[in-house]
PDB file of all heavy atoms in Angstrom:
ATOM      1  N   SER A   1      32.471  60.090-101.986  1.00  0.00           N
ATOM      2  CA  SER A   1      32.243  61.418-101.435  1.00  0.00           C
ATOM      3  C   SER A   1      32.466  62.479-102.499  1.00  0.00           C
ATOM      4  O   SER A   1      33.580  62.675-102.974  1.00  0.00           O
ATOM      5  CB  SER A   1      33.179  61.676-100.248  1.00  0.00           C
ATOM      6  OG  SER A   1      33.071  63.014 -99.814  1.00  0.00           O
ATOM      7  N   ILE A   2      31.409  63.191-102.894  1.00  0.00           N
ATOM      8  CA  ILE A   2      31.524  64.257-103.888  1.00  0.00           C
ATOM      9  C   ILE A   2      30.820  65.509-103.392  1.00  0.00           C
ATOM     10  O   ILE A   2      30.276  66.294-104.160  1.00  0.00           O
ATOM     11  CB  ILE A   2      30.975  63.816-105.261  1.00  0.00           C
ATOM     12  CG1 ILE A   2      29.608  63.141-105.119  1.00  0.00           C
ATOM     13  CG2 ILE A   2      31.954  62.878-105.944  1.00  0.00           C
ATOM     14  CD1 ILE A   2      29.001  62.732-106.439  1.00  0.00           C
ATOM     15  N   GLY A   3      30.821  65.714-102.080  1.00  0.00           N
ATOM     16  CA  GLY A   3      30.242  66.917-101.505  1.00  0.00           C
ATOM     17  C   GLY A   3      31.239  68.058-101.516  1.00  0.00           C
ATOM     18  O   GLY A   3      32.313  67.981-102.111  1.00  0.00           O
ATOM     19  N   CYS A   4      30.863  69.154-100.829  1.00  0.00           N
ATOM     20  CA  CYS A   4      31.717  70.342-100.854  1.00  0.00           C
ATOM     21  C   CYS A   4      32.261  70.707 -99.484  1.00  0.00           C
ATOM     22  O   CYS A   4      32.961  71.709 -99.356  1.00  0.00           O
ATOM     23  CB  CYS A   4      30.962  71.535-101.452  1.00  0.00           C
ATOM     24  SG  CYS A   4      29.357  71.892-100.725  1.00  0.00           S
ATOM     25  N   ALA A   5      31.962  69.923 -98.450  1.00  0.00           N
ATOM     26  CA  ALA A   5      32.476  70.207 -97.110  1.00  0.00           C
ATOM     27  C   ALA A   5      32.154  69.017 -96.215  1.00  0.00           C
ATOM     28  O   ALA A   5      31.772  67.943 -96.696  1.00  0.00           O
ATOM     29  CB  ALA A   5      31.884  71.494 -96.548  1.00  0.00           C
ATOM     30  N   ASN A   6      32.294  69.222 -94.913  1.00  0.00           N
ATOM     31  CA  ASN A   6      31.993  68.180 -93.933  1.00  0.00           C
ATOM     32  C   ASN A   6      30.859  68.669 -93.029  1.00  0.00           C
ATOM     33  O   ASN A   6      31.101  69.280 -91.992  1.00  0.00           O
ATOM     34  CB  ASN A   6      33.244  67.864 -93.109  1.00  0.00           C
ATOM     35  CG  ASN A   6      33.013  66.759 -92.084  1.00  0.00           C
ATOM     36  OD1 ASN A   6      31.883  66.326 -91.856  1.00  0.00           O
ATOM     37  ND2 ASN A   6      34.082  66.311 -91.449  1.00  0.00           N
ATOM     38  N   PRO A   7      29.607  68.417 -93.411  1.00  0.00           N
ATOM     39  CA  PRO A   7      28.486  68.922 -92.617  1.00  0.00           C
ATOM     40  C   PRO A   7      28.362  68.263 -91.248  1.00  0.00           C
ATOM     41  O   PRO A   7      27.744  68.830 -90.344  1.00  0.00           O
ATOM     42  CB  PRO A   7      27.263  68.628 -93.487  1.00  0.00           C
ATOM     43  CG  PRO A   7      27.683  67.463 -94.325  1.00  0.00           C
ATOM     44  CD  PRO A   7      29.148  67.666 -94.592  1.00  0.00           C
ATOM     45  N   VAL A   8      28.947  67.090 -91.088  1.00  0.00           N
ATOM     46  CA  VAL A   8      28.887  66.418 -89.788  1.00  0.00           C
ATOM     47  C   VAL A   8      29.664  67.231 -88.749  1.00  0.00           C
ATOM     48  O   VAL A   8      29.210  67.419 -87.615  1.00  0.00           O
ATOM     49  CB  VAL A   8      29.434  64.980 -89.892  1.00  0.00           C
ATOM     50  CG1 VAL A   8      29.415  64.292 -88.544  1.00  0.00           C
ATOM     51  CG2 VAL A   8      28.608  64.187 -90.900  1.00  0.00           C
ATOM     52  N   ALA A   9      30.829  67.733 -89.140  1.00  0.00           N
ATOM     53  CA  ALA A   9      31.590  68.591 -88.232  1.00  0.00           C
ATOM     54  C   ALA A   9      30.831  69.879 -87.953  1.00  0.00           C
ATOM     55  O   ALA A   9      30.842  70.397 -86.836  1.00  0.00           O
ATOM     56  CB  ALA A   9      32.952  68.897 -88.830  1.00  0.00           C
ATOM     57  N   LEU A  10      30.152  70.403 -88.967  1.00  0.00           N
ATOM     58  CA  LEU A  10      29.378  71.637 -88.825  1.00  0.00           C
ATOM     59  C   LEU A  10      28.205  71.461 -87.861  1.00  0.00           C
ATOM     60  O   LEU A  10      27.842  72.385 -87.134  1.00  0.00           O
ATOM     61  CB  LEU A  10      28.855  72.061 -90.205  1.00  0.00           C
ATOM     62  CG  LEU A  10      28.088  73.363 -90.329  1.00  0.00           C
ATOM     63  CD1 LEU A  10      29.011  74.545 -90.091  1.00  0.00           C
ATOM     64  CD2 LEU A  10      27.439  73.461 -91.711  1.00  0.00           C
ATOM     65  N   ALA A  11      27.629  70.263 -87.818  1.00  0.00           N
ATOM     66  CA  ALA A  11      26.406  70.029 -87.056  1.00  0.00           C
ATOM     67  C   ALA A  11      26.623  69.921 -85.556  1.00  0.00           C
ATOM     68  O   ALA A  11      25.688  70.136 -84.777  1.00  0.00           O
ATOM     69  CB  ALA A  11      25.724  68.756 -87.563  1.00  0.00           C
ATOM     70  N   GLY A  12      27.819  69.566 -85.118  1.00  0.00           N
ATOM     71  CA  GLY A  12      28.061  69.414 -83.690  1.00  0.00           C
ATOM     72  C   GLY A  12      27.158  68.373 -83.048  1.00  0.00           C
ATOM     73  O   GLY A  12      26.510  68.626 -82.022  1.00  0.00           O
ATOM     74  N   LEU A  13      27.106  67.193 -83.633  1.00  0.00           N
ATOM     75  CA  LEU A  13      26.196  66.150 -83.173  1.00  0.00           C
ATOM     76  C   LEU A  13      26.540  65.676 -81.768  1.00  0.00           C
ATOM     77  O   LEU A  13      27.711  65.615 -81.378  1.00  0.00           O
ATOM     78  CB  LEU A  13      26.226  64.967 -84.132  1.00  0.00           C
ATOM     79  CG  LEU A  13      25.804  65.272 -85.574  1.00  0.00           C
ATOM     80  CD1 LEU A  13      25.989  64.042 -86.448  1.00  0.00           C
ATOM     81  CD2 LEU A  13      24.365  65.764 -85.627  1.00  0.00           C
ATOM     82  N   GLU A  14      25.487  65.308 -81.026  1.00  0.00           N
ATOM     83  CA  GLU A  14      25.627  64.821 -79.661  1.00  0.00           C
ATOM     84  C   GLU A  14      25.085  63.407 -79.555  1.00  0.00           C
ATOM     85  O   GLU A  14      24.181  63.019 -80.300  1.00  0.00           O
ATOM     86  CB  GLU A  14      24.866  65.720 -78.687  1.00  0.00           C
ATOM     87  CG  GLU A  14      25.356  67.161 -78.633  1.00  0.00           C
ATOM     88  CD  GLU A  14      26.706  67.300 -77.968  1.00  0.00           C
ATOM     89  OE1 GLU A  14      27.109  66.348 -77.257  1.00  0.00           O
ATOM     90  OE2 GLU A  14      27.361  68.343 -78.158  1.00  0.00           O
ATOM     91  N   PRO A  15      25.627  62.592 -78.628  1.00  0.00           N
ATOM     92  CA  PRO A  15      25.091  61.237 -78.427  1.00  0.00           C
ATOM     93  C   PRO A  15      23.587  61.276 -78.166  1.00  0.00           C
ATOM     94  O   PRO A  15      23.089  62.157 -77.455  1.00  0.00           O
ATOM     95  CB  PRO A  15      25.853  60.732 -77.201  1.00  0.00           C
ATOM     96  CG  PRO A  15      27.146  61.499 -77.228  1.00  0.00           C
ATOM     97  CD  PRO A  15      26.784  62.867 -77.744  1.00  0.00           C
ATOM     98  N   GLY A  16      22.888  60.340 -78.777  1.00  0.00           N
ATOM     99  CA  GLY A  16      21.452  60.221 -78.570  1.00  0.00           C
ATOM    100  C   GLY A  16      20.603  61.012 -79.537  1.00  0.00           C
ATOM    101  O   GLY A  16      19.370  60.855 -79.552  1.00  0.00           O
ATOM    102  N   GLU A  17      21.212  61.844 -80.375  1.00  0.00           N
ATOM    103  CA  GLU A  17      20.422  62.619 -81.328  1.00  0.00           C
ATOM    104  C   GLU A  17      20.071  61.776 -82.557  1.00  0.00           C
ATOM    105  O   GLU A  17      20.767  60.823 -82.906  1.00  0.00           O
ATOM    106  CB  GLU A  17      21.198  63.871 -81.757  1.00  0.00           C
ATOM    107  CG  GLU A  17      21.312  64.905 -80.671  1.00  0.00           C
ATOM    108  CD  GLU A  17      21.897  66.214 -81.151  1.00  0.00           C
ATOM    109  OE1 GLU A  17      22.884  66.185 -81.930  1.00  0.00           O
ATOM    110  OE2 GLU A  17      21.390  67.273 -80.733  1.00  0.00           O
ATOM    111  N   ASP A  18      18.984  62.165 -83.210  1.00  0.00           N
ATOM    112  CA  ASP A  18      18.573  61.573 -84.480  1.00  0.00           C
ATOM    113  C   ASP A  18      18.867  62.583 -85.579  1.00  0.00           C
ATOM    114  O   ASP A  18      18.542  63.774 -85.454  1.00  0.00           O
ATOM    115  CB  ASP A  18      17.082  61.236 -84.465  1.00  0.00           C
ATOM    116  CG  ASP A  18      16.729  60.223 -83.392  1.00  0.00           C
ATOM    117  OD1 ASP A  18      17.468  59.238 -83.229  1.00  0.00           O
ATOM    118  OD2 ASP A  18      15.694  60.421 -82.715  1.00  0.00           O
ATOM    119  N   VAL A  19      19.481  62.106 -86.667  1.00  0.00           N
ATOM    120  CA  VAL A  19      19.949  63.014 -87.706  1.00  0.00           C
ATOM    121  C   VAL A  19      19.537  62.501 -89.075  1.00  0.00           C
ATOM    122  O   VAL A  19      19.480  61.286 -89.310  1.00  0.00           O
ATOM    123  CB  VAL A  19      21.482  63.209 -87.617  1.00  0.00           C
ATOM    124  CG1 VAL A  19      22.213  61.879 -87.720  1.00  0.00           C
ATOM    125  CG2 VAL A  19      21.986  64.174 -88.673  1.00  0.00           C
ATOM    126  N   LEU A  20      19.245  63.410 -89.982  1.00  0.00           N
ATOM    127  CA  LEU A  20      18.856  63.089 -91.349  1.00  0.00           C
ATOM    128  C   LEU A  20      19.795  63.775 -92.317  1.00  0.00           C
ATOM    129  O   LEU A  20      20.060  64.976 -92.196  1.00  0.00           O
ATOM    130  CB  LEU A  20      17.420  63.562 -91.613  1.00  0.00           C
ATOM    131  CG  LEU A  20      16.965  63.602 -93.084  1.00  0.00           C
ATOM    132  CD1 LEU A  20      16.886  62.200 -93.675  1.00  0.00           C
ATOM    133  CD2 LEU A  20      15.630  64.334 -93.212  1.00  0.00           C
ATOM    134  N   ASP A  21      20.286  63.022 -93.317  1.00  0.00           N
ATOM    135  CA  ASP A  21      21.118  63.565 -94.382  1.00  0.00           C
ATOM    136  C   ASP A  21      20.289  63.625 -95.659  1.00  0.00           C
ATOM    137  O   ASP A  21      19.831  62.595 -96.162  1.00  0.00           O
ATOM    138  CB  ASP A  21      22.356  62.684 -94.576  1.00  0.00           C
ATOM    139  CG  ASP A  21      23.288  63.208 -95.662  1.00  0.00           C
ATOM    140  OD1 ASP A  21      23.128  64.367 -96.088  1.00  0.00           O
ATOM    141  OD2 ASP A  21      24.185  62.447 -96.079  1.00  0.00           O
ATOM    142  N   LEU A  22      20.096  64.828 -96.189  1.00  0.00           N
ATOM    143  CA  LEU A  22      19.345  65.015 -97.430  1.00  0.00           C
ATOM    144  C   LEU A  22      20.270  64.802 -98.618  1.00  0.00           C
ATOM    145  O   LEU A  22      21.234  65.539 -98.797  1.00  0.00           O
ATOM    146  CB  LEU A  22      18.762  66.430 -97.482  1.00  0.00           C
ATOM    147  CG  LEU A  22      17.765  66.808 -96.391  1.00  0.00           C
ATOM    148  CD1 LEU A  22      17.384  68.280 -96.508  1.00  0.00           C
ATOM    149  CD2 LEU A  22      16.531  65.930 -96.455  1.00  0.00           C
ATOM    150  N   GLY A  23      19.968  63.786 -99.432  1.00  0.00           N
ATOM    151  CA  GLY A  23      20.827  63.454-100.565  1.00  0.00           C
ATOM    152  C   GLY A  23      22.080  62.758-100.100  1.00  0.00           C
ATOM    153  O   GLY A  23      23.198  63.242-100.298  1.00  0.00           O
ATOM    154  N   SER A  24      21.915  61.598 -99.500  1.00  0.00           N
ATOM    155  CA  SER A  24      22.991  60.948 -98.742  1.00  0.00           C
ATOM    156  C   SER A  24      24.027  60.240 -99.596  1.00  0.00           C
ATOM    157  O   SER A  24      25.071  59.830 -99.081  1.00  0.00           O
ATOM    158  CB  SER A  24      22.391  59.965 -97.732  1.00  0.00           C
ATOM    159  OG  SER A  24      21.428  59.123 -98.337  1.00  0.00           O
ATOM    160  N   GLY A  25      23.789  60.072-100.893  1.00  0.00           N
ATOM    161  CA  GLY A  25      24.801  59.508-101.782  1.00  0.00           C
ATOM    162  C   GLY A  25      25.350  58.183-101.299  1.00  0.00           C
ATOM    163  O   GLY A  25      24.605  57.279-100.905  1.00  0.00           O
ATOM    164  N   GLY A  26      26.675  58.063-101.300  1.00  0.00           N
ATOM    165  CA  GLY A  26      27.319  56.818-100.887  1.00  0.00           C
ATOM    166  C   GLY A  26      27.353  56.591 -99.396  1.00  0.00           C
ATOM    167  O   GLY A  26      27.879  55.571 -98.946  1.00  0.00           O
ATOM    168  N   GLY A  27      26.825  57.512 -98.616  1.00  0.00           N
ATOM    169  CA  GLY A  27      26.608  57.270 -97.196  1.00  0.00           C
ATOM    170  C   GLY A  27      27.650  57.814 -96.245  1.00  0.00           C
ATOM    171  O   GLY A  27      27.530  57.623 -95.031  1.00  0.00           O
ATOM    172  N   ILE A  28      28.662  58.536 -96.739  1.00  0.00           N
ATOM    173  CA  ILE A  28      29.757  58.941 -95.863  1.00  0.00           C
ATOM    174  C   ILE A  28      29.269  59.760 -94.670  1.00  0.00           C
ATOM    175  O   ILE A  28      29.668  59.514 -93.525  1.00  0.00           O
ATOM    176  CB  ILE A  28      30.849  59.706 -96.653  1.00  0.00           C
ATOM    177  CG1 ILE A  28      32.067  59.986 -95.765  1.00  0.00           C
ATOM    178  CG2 ILE A  28      30.308  60.964 -97.307  1.00  0.00           C
ATOM    179  CD1 ILE A  28      33.276  60.513 -96.540  1.00  0.00           C
ATOM    180  N   ASP A  29      28.379  60.725 -94.902  1.00  0.00           N
ATOM    181  CA  ASP A  29      27.943  61.587 -93.807  1.00  0.00           C
ATOM    182  C   ASP A  29      26.961  60.891 -92.875  1.00  0.00           C
ATOM    183  O   ASP A  29      26.932  61.169 -91.675  1.00  0.00           O
ATOM    184  CB  ASP A  29      27.353  62.879 -94.360  1.00  0.00           C
ATOM    185  CG  ASP A  29      28.395  63.719 -95.085  1.00  0.00           C
ATOM    186  OD1 ASP A  29      29.512  63.835 -94.558  1.00  0.00           O
ATOM    187  OD2 ASP A  29      28.101  64.236 -96.182  1.00  0.00           O
ATOM    188  N   VAL A  30      26.176  59.963 -93.405  1.00  0.00           N
ATOM    189  CA  VAL A  30      25.295  59.177 -92.543  1.00  0.00           C
ATOM    190  C   VAL A  30      26.105  58.280 -91.615  1.00  0.00           C
ATOM    191  O   VAL A  30      25.835  58.192 -90.411  1.00  0.00           O
ATOM    192  CB  VAL A  30      24.314  58.333 -93.383  1.00  0.00           C
ATOM    193  CG1 VAL A  30      23.511  57.378 -92.503  1.00  0.00           C
ATOM    194  CG2 VAL A  30      23.360  59.245 -94.154  1.00  0.00           C
ATOM    195  N   LEU A  31      27.114  57.622 -92.165  1.00  0.00           N
ATOM    196  CA  LEU A  31      27.923  56.719 -91.346  1.00  0.00           C
ATOM    197  C   LEU A  31      28.700  57.480 -90.285  1.00  0.00           C
ATOM    198  O   LEU A  31      28.790  57.039 -89.128  1.00  0.00           O
ATOM    199  CB  LEU A  31      28.859  55.910 -92.239  1.00  0.00           C
ATOM    200  CG  LEU A  31      28.160  55.009 -93.270  1.00  0.00           C
ATOM    201  CD1 LEU A  31      29.187  54.288 -94.124  1.00  0.00           C
ATOM    202  CD2 LEU A  31      27.224  54.018 -92.603  1.00  0.00           C
ATOM    203  N   LEU A  32      29.261  58.631 -90.650  1.00  0.00           N
ATOM    204  CA  LEU A  32      29.949  59.450 -89.651  1.00  0.00           C
ATOM    205  C   LEU A  32      28.970  59.957 -88.597  1.00  0.00           C
ATOM    206  O   LEU A  32      29.285  59.991 -87.406  1.00  0.00           O
ATOM    207  CB  LEU A  32      30.652  60.626 -90.330  1.00  0.00           C
ATOM    208  CG  LEU A  32      31.882  60.280 -91.175  1.00  0.00           C
ATOM    209  CD1 LEU A  32      32.383  61.519 -91.906  1.00  0.00           C
ATOM    210  CD2 LEU A  32      32.989  59.679 -90.317  1.00  0.00           C
ATOM    211  N   SER A  33      27.778  60.352 -89.025  1.00  0.00           N
ATOM    212  CA  SER A  33      26.766  60.817 -88.074  1.00  0.00           C
ATOM    213  C   SER A  33      26.363  59.711 -87.111  1.00  0.00           C
ATOM    214  O   SER A  33      26.203  59.945 -85.905  1.00  0.00           O
ATOM    215  CB  SER A  33      25.528  61.322 -88.827  1.00  0.00           C
ATOM    216  OG  SER A  33      25.824  62.457 -89.607  1.00  0.00           O
ATOM    217  N   ALA A  34      26.180  58.510 -87.645  1.00  0.00           N
ATOM    218  CA  ALA A  34      25.788  57.386 -86.797  1.00  0.00           C
ATOM    219  C   ALA A  34      26.833  57.128 -85.711  1.00  0.00           C
ATOM    220  O   ALA A  34      26.490  56.821 -84.561  1.00  0.00           O
ATOM    221  CB  ALA A  34      25.588  56.139 -87.652  1.00  0.00           C
ATOM    222  N   ARG A  35      28.112  57.246 -86.071  1.00  0.00           N
ATOM    223  CA  ARG A  35      29.166  57.095 -85.059  1.00  0.00           C
ATOM    224  C   ARG A  35      29.044  58.171 -83.989  1.00  0.00           C
ATOM    225  O   ARG A  35      29.225  57.915 -82.797  1.00  0.00           O
ATOM    226  CB  ARG A  35      30.530  57.209 -85.727  1.00  0.00           C
ATOM    227  CG  ARG A  35      30.806  56.183 -86.818  1.00  0.00           C
ATOM    228  CD  ARG A  35      31.143  54.824 -86.275  1.00  0.00           C
ATOM    229  NE  ARG A  35      31.825  54.015 -87.281  1.00  0.00           N
ATOM    230  CZ  ARG A  35      31.918  52.699 -87.223  1.00  0.00           C
ATOM    231  NH1 ARG A  35      31.387  52.037 -86.208  1.00  0.00           N
ATOM    232  NH2 ARG A  35      32.564  52.026 -88.172  1.00  0.00           N
ATOM    233  N   ARG A  36      28.756  59.413 -84.421  1.00  0.00           N
ATOM    234  CA  ARG A  36      28.707  60.518 -83.462  1.00  0.00           C
ATOM    235  C   ARG A  36      27.530  60.417 -82.500  1.00  0.00           C
ATOM    236  O   ARG A  36      27.671  60.745 -81.317  1.00  0.00           O
ATOM    237  CB  ARG A  36      28.638  61.866 -84.210  1.00  0.00           C
ATOM    238  CG  ARG A  36      29.777  62.156 -85.166  1.00  0.00           C
ATOM    239  CD  ARG A  36      31.144  62.203 -84.482  1.00  0.00           C
ATOM    240  NE  ARG A  36      32.199  62.483 -85.458  1.00  0.00           N
ATOM    241  CZ  ARG A  36      32.814  61.562 -86.180  1.00  0.00           C
ATOM    242  NH1 ARG A  36      32.491  60.283 -86.056  1.00  0.00           N
ATOM    243  NH2 ARG A  36      33.772  61.901 -87.028  1.00  0.00           N
ATOM    244  N   VAL A  37      26.374  60.009 -83.000  1.00  0.00           N
ATOM    245  CA  VAL A  37      25.187  59.975 -82.124  1.00  0.00           C
ATOM    246  C   VAL A  37      25.134  58.705 -81.280  1.00  0.00           C
ATOM    247  O   VAL A  37      24.377  58.641 -80.305  1.00  0.00           O
ATOM    248  CB  VAL A  37      23.884  60.147 -82.935  1.00  0.00           C
ATOM    249  CG1 VAL A  37      23.912  61.466 -83.691  1.00  0.00           C
ATOM    250  CG2 VAL A  37      23.658  58.985 -83.901  1.00  0.00           C
ATOM    251  N   GLY A  38      25.909  57.706 -81.641  1.00  0.00           N
ATOM    252  CA  GLY A  38      26.011  56.504 -80.814  1.00  0.00           C
ATOM    253  C   GLY A  38      24.778  55.616 -80.857  1.00  0.00           C
ATOM    254  O   GLY A  38      23.812  55.897 -81.565  1.00  0.00           O
ATOM    255  N   PRO A  39      24.792  54.552 -80.091  1.00  0.00           N
ATOM    256  CA  PRO A  39      23.722  53.549 -80.174  1.00  0.00           C
ATOM    257  C   PRO A  39      22.366  54.057 -79.722  1.00  0.00           C
ATOM    258  O   PRO A  39      21.337  53.456 -80.067  1.00  0.00           O
ATOM    259  CB  PRO A  39      24.228  52.425 -79.256  1.00  0.00           C
ATOM    260  CG  PRO A  39      25.217  53.075 -78.347  1.00  0.00           C
ATOM    261  CD  PRO A  39      25.863  54.160 -79.160  1.00  0.00           C
ATOM    262  N   THR A  40      22.317  55.142 -78.959  1.00  0.00           N
ATOM    263  CA  THR A  40      21.019  55.681 -78.543  1.00  0.00           C
ATOM    264  C   THR A  40      20.467  56.686 -79.546  1.00  0.00           C
ATOM    265  O   THR A  40      19.336  57.167 -79.382  1.00  0.00           O
ATOM    266  CB  THR A  40      21.130  56.354 -77.163  1.00  0.00           C
ATOM    267  OG1 THR A  40      22.097  57.418 -77.231  1.00  0.00           O
ATOM    268  CG2 THR A  40      21.550  55.343 -76.107  1.00  0.00           C
ATOM    269  N   GLY A  41      21.211  57.006 -80.573  1.00  0.00           N
ATOM    270  CA  GLY A  41      20.745  57.882 -81.634  1.00  0.00           C
ATOM    271  C   GLY A  41      20.599  57.108 -82.932  1.00  0.00           C
ATOM    272  O   GLY A  41      20.897  55.909 -83.005  1.00  0.00           O
ATOM    273  N   ARG A  42      20.144  57.802 -83.973  1.00  0.00           N
ATOM    274  CA  ARG A  42      19.953  57.131 -85.255  1.00  0.00           C
ATOM    275  C   ARG A  42      20.233  58.125 -86.376  1.00  0.00           C
ATOM    276  O   ARG A  42      19.929  59.316 -86.265  1.00  0.00           O
ATOM    277  CB  ARG A  42      18.531  56.582 -85.390  1.00  0.00           C
ATOM    278  CG  ARG A  42      18.354  55.640 -86.574  1.00  0.00           C
ATOM    279  CD  ARG A  42      17.142  54.752 -86.404  1.00  0.00           C
ATOM    280  NE  ARG A  42      17.030  53.750 -87.454  1.00  0.00           N
ATOM    281  CZ  ARG A  42      17.671  52.591 -87.449  1.00  0.00           C
ATOM    282  NH1 ARG A  42      18.468  52.305 -86.437  1.00  0.00           N
ATOM    283  NH2 ARG A  42      17.525  51.729 -88.431  1.00  0.00           N
ATOM    284  N   ALA A  43      20.807  57.619 -87.465  1.00  0.00           N
ATOM    285  CA  ALA A  43      21.123  58.443 -88.632  1.00  0.00           C
ATOM    286  C   ALA A  43      20.372  57.906 -89.844  1.00  0.00           C
ATOM    287  O   ALA A  43      20.413  56.700 -90.133  1.00  0.00           O
ATOM    288  CB  ALA A  43      22.626  58.440 -88.903  1.00  0.00           C
TER     289      ALA A  43
END
């Protein structure tokens, strides 16, 4: 993780949403997003 904040907290993700991380690096924000949107969503 070499970002400058936590955009996942900023996004207010909801279960079932689909989310895209631009410049995902080692995957920290994608993995956190996937947890937030749950099995009916996708990161």
